[in-house]
Amino acid sequence: MEFEVDSRNFYEHKHHLDANVDKCNLIVCYKNPLDSYIKVNKQGKEHRIEIFELKRIIEEKALHEKLFPIKKPHPPSEWSEKTFL
């Protein structure tokens, strides 16, 4: 398994040329502008690596609000020097 922010970093970091690339079956990334998998060739054999995009899952499941809640400040009912400090 390989972890990347962007699935394209798999190529930029030259992981597709690694001698052990056939041991990688999954890329977990935040965003994926590629297909749902990539194919790499090792010694004439094609190896397929699935891509799991977290951004899509978060958006589909509406998890963004749960993971990154926006908390609005509530002012105290009465402002005083003690409350301010």
C-alpha atoms as a PDB file:
ATOM      1  CA  MET A   1       0.000   0.000   0.000  1.00  0.00           C
ATOM      2  CA  GLU A   2       1.236   3.459  -0.873  1.00  0.00           C
ATOM      3  CA  PHE A   3      -0.070   6.711   0.639  1.00  0.00           C
ATOM      4  CA  GLU A   4      -0.041   9.901  -1.445  1.00  0.00           C
ATOM      5  CA  VAL A   5      -1.856  13.231  -1.270  1.00  0.00           C
ATOM      6  CA  ASP A   6      -2.373  13.136  -5.048  1.00  0.00           C
ATOM      7  CA  SER A   7      -2.287   9.819  -6.933  1.00  0.00           C
ATOM      8  CA  ARG A   8      -0.028  11.379  -9.594  1.00  0.00           C
ATOM      9  CA  ASN A   9       2.705  11.570  -6.961  1.00  0.00           C
ATOM     10  CA  PHE A  10       3.087   7.805  -7.382  1.00  0.00           C
ATOM     11  CA  TYR A  11       4.739   8.578 -10.731  1.00  0.00           C
ATOM     12  CA  GLU A  12       6.512  11.742  -9.606  1.00  0.00           C
ATOM     13  CA  HIS A  13       8.167   9.816  -6.773  1.00  0.00           C
ATOM     14  CA  LYS A  14       9.130   7.086  -9.288  1.00  0.00           C
ATOM     15  CA  HIS A  15       7.348   4.313  -7.341  1.00  0.00           C
ATOM     16  CA  HIS A  16       6.309   2.735 -10.659  1.00  0.00           C
ATOM     17  CA  LEU A  17      10.013   2.010 -11.301  1.00  0.00           C
ATOM     18  CA  ASP A  18      10.603   0.414  -7.890  1.00  0.00           C
ATOM     19  CA  ALA A  19      11.789  -3.206  -7.907  1.00  0.00           C
ATOM     20  CA  ASN A  20       8.982  -4.137  -5.493  1.00  0.00           C
ATOM     21  CA  VAL A  21       6.146  -2.370  -7.315  1.00  0.00           C
ATOM     22  CA  ASP A  22       4.383  -5.702  -7.830  1.00  0.00           C
ATOM     23  CA  LYS A  23       3.911  -5.925  -4.053  1.00  0.00           C
ATOM     24  CA  CYS A  24       1.827  -2.747  -4.059  1.00  0.00           C
ATOM     25  CA  ASN A  25      -1.875  -3.393  -4.650  1.00  0.00           C
ATOM     26  CA  LEU A  26      -3.412  -0.161  -3.411  1.00  0.00           C
ATOM     27  CA  ILE A  27      -2.739   3.579  -3.506  1.00  0.00           C
ATOM     28  CA  VAL A  28      -4.609   5.549  -0.837  1.00  0.00           C
ATOM     29  CA  CYS A  29      -4.742   9.233  -1.714  1.00  0.00           C
ATOM     30  CA  TYR A  30      -6.728  12.364  -0.932  1.00  0.00           C
ATOM     31  CA  LYS A  31      -7.382  13.263  -4.566  1.00  0.00           C
ATOM     32  CA  ASN A  32      -7.212  11.206  -7.713  1.00  0.00           C
ATOM     33  CA  PRO A  33      -7.351  12.793 -11.168  1.00  0.00           C
ATOM     34  CA  LEU A  34      -6.447   9.404 -12.721  1.00  0.00           C
ATOM     35  CA  ASP A  35      -8.603   6.328 -13.330  1.00  0.00           C
ATOM     36  CA  SER A  36      -9.687   4.041 -10.491  1.00  0.00           C
ATOM     37  CA  TYR A  37      -6.511   2.020 -11.019  1.00  0.00           C
ATOM     38  CA  ILE A  38      -3.140   2.262 -12.709  1.00  0.00           C
ATOM     39  CA  LYS A  39      -1.222  -0.334 -14.668  1.00  0.00           C
ATOM     40  CA  VAL A  40       2.528  -0.760 -14.361  1.00  0.00           C
ATOM     41  CA  ASN A  41       4.729  -3.140 -16.298  1.00  0.00           C
ATOM     42  CA  LYS A  42       7.386  -5.161 -14.532  1.00  0.00           C
ATOM     43  CA  GLN A  43       9.523  -7.499 -16.618  1.00  0.00           C
ATOM     44  CA  GLY A  44       6.862  -7.704 -19.324  1.00  0.00           C
ATOM     45  CA  LYS A  45       4.042  -8.455 -16.859  1.00  0.00           C
ATOM     46  CA  GLU A  46       1.237  -6.004 -16.296  1.00  0.00           C
ATOM     47  CA  HIS A  47       0.468  -5.222 -12.656  1.00  0.00           C
ATOM     48  CA  ARG A  48      -2.719  -3.397 -11.679  1.00  0.00           C
ATOM     49  CA  ILE A  49      -2.840  -1.093  -8.621  1.00  0.00           C
ATOM     50  CA  GLU A  50      -6.221   0.081  -7.347  1.00  0.00           C
ATOM     51  CA  ILE A  51      -6.613   3.720  -6.265  1.00  0.00           C
ATOM     52  CA  PHE A  52      -8.727   4.618  -3.244  1.00  0.00           C
ATOM     53  CA  GLU A  53      -9.624   8.331  -3.230  1.00  0.00           C
ATOM     54  CA  LEU A  54     -10.518   9.709   0.197  1.00  0.00           C
ATOM     55  CA  LYS A  55     -11.892  13.020  -1.105  1.00  0.00           C
ATOM     56  CA  ARG A  56     -14.625  11.289  -3.100  1.00  0.00           C
ATOM     57  CA  ILE A  57     -15.607   9.093  -0.148  1.00  0.00           C
ATOM     58  CA  ILE A  58     -15.741  12.083   2.191  1.00  0.00           C
ATOM     59  CA  GLU A  59     -17.931  14.029  -0.251  1.00  0.00           C
ATOM     60  CA  GLU A  60     -20.224  11.079  -1.017  1.00  0.00           C
ATOM     61  CA  LYS A  61     -20.796  10.274   2.627  1.00  0.00           C
ATOM     62  CA  ALA A  62     -21.117  13.966   3.598  1.00  0.00           C
ATOM     63  CA  LEU A  63     -18.347  13.435   6.107  1.00  0.00           C
ATOM     64  CA  HIS A  64     -16.707  16.793   5.516  1.00  0.00           C
ATOM     65  CA  GLU A  65     -18.961  18.540   8.039  1.00  0.00           C
ATOM     66  CA  LYS A  66     -18.331  15.783  10.589  1.00  0.00           C
ATOM     67  CA  LEU A  67     -14.570  15.783  10.118  1.00  0.00           C
ATOM     68  CA  PHE A  68     -14.125  19.552   9.787  1.00  0.00           C
ATOM     69  CA  PRO A  69     -16.960  21.203  11.703  1.00  0.00           C
ATOM     70  CA  ILE A  70     -17.222  24.966  11.602  1.00  0.00           C
ATOM     71  CA  LYS A  71     -17.832  26.176  15.105  1.00  0.00           C
ATOM     72  CA  LYS A  72     -19.401  29.578  15.360  1.00  0.00           C
ATOM     73  CA  PRO A  73     -18.443  31.464  18.490  1.00  0.00           C
ATOM     74  CA  HIS A  74     -21.253  32.302  20.835  1.00  0.00           C
ATOM     75  CA  PRO A  75     -20.789  35.511  22.782  1.00  0.00           C
ATOM     76  CA  PRO A  76     -21.629  35.364  26.440  1.00  0.00           C
ATOM     77  CA  SER A  77     -25.036  36.669  27.379  1.00  0.00           C
ATOM     78  CA  GLU A  78     -23.489  39.504  29.311  1.00  0.00           C
ATOM     79  CA  TRP A  79     -20.239  41.205  28.494  1.00  0.00           C
ATOM     80  CA  SER A  80     -18.135  42.147  31.456  1.00  0.00           C
ATOM     81  CA  GLU A  81     -14.479  42.726  32.180  1.00  0.00           C
ATOM     82  CA  LYS A  82     -14.312  39.307  33.842  1.00  0.00           C
ATOM     83  CA  THR A  83     -15.858  37.557  30.827  1.00  0.00           C
ATOM     84  CA  PHE A  84     -13.560  39.439  28.455  1.00  0.00           C
ATOM     85  CA  LEU A  85     -10.429  38.479  30.394  1.00  0.00           C
END
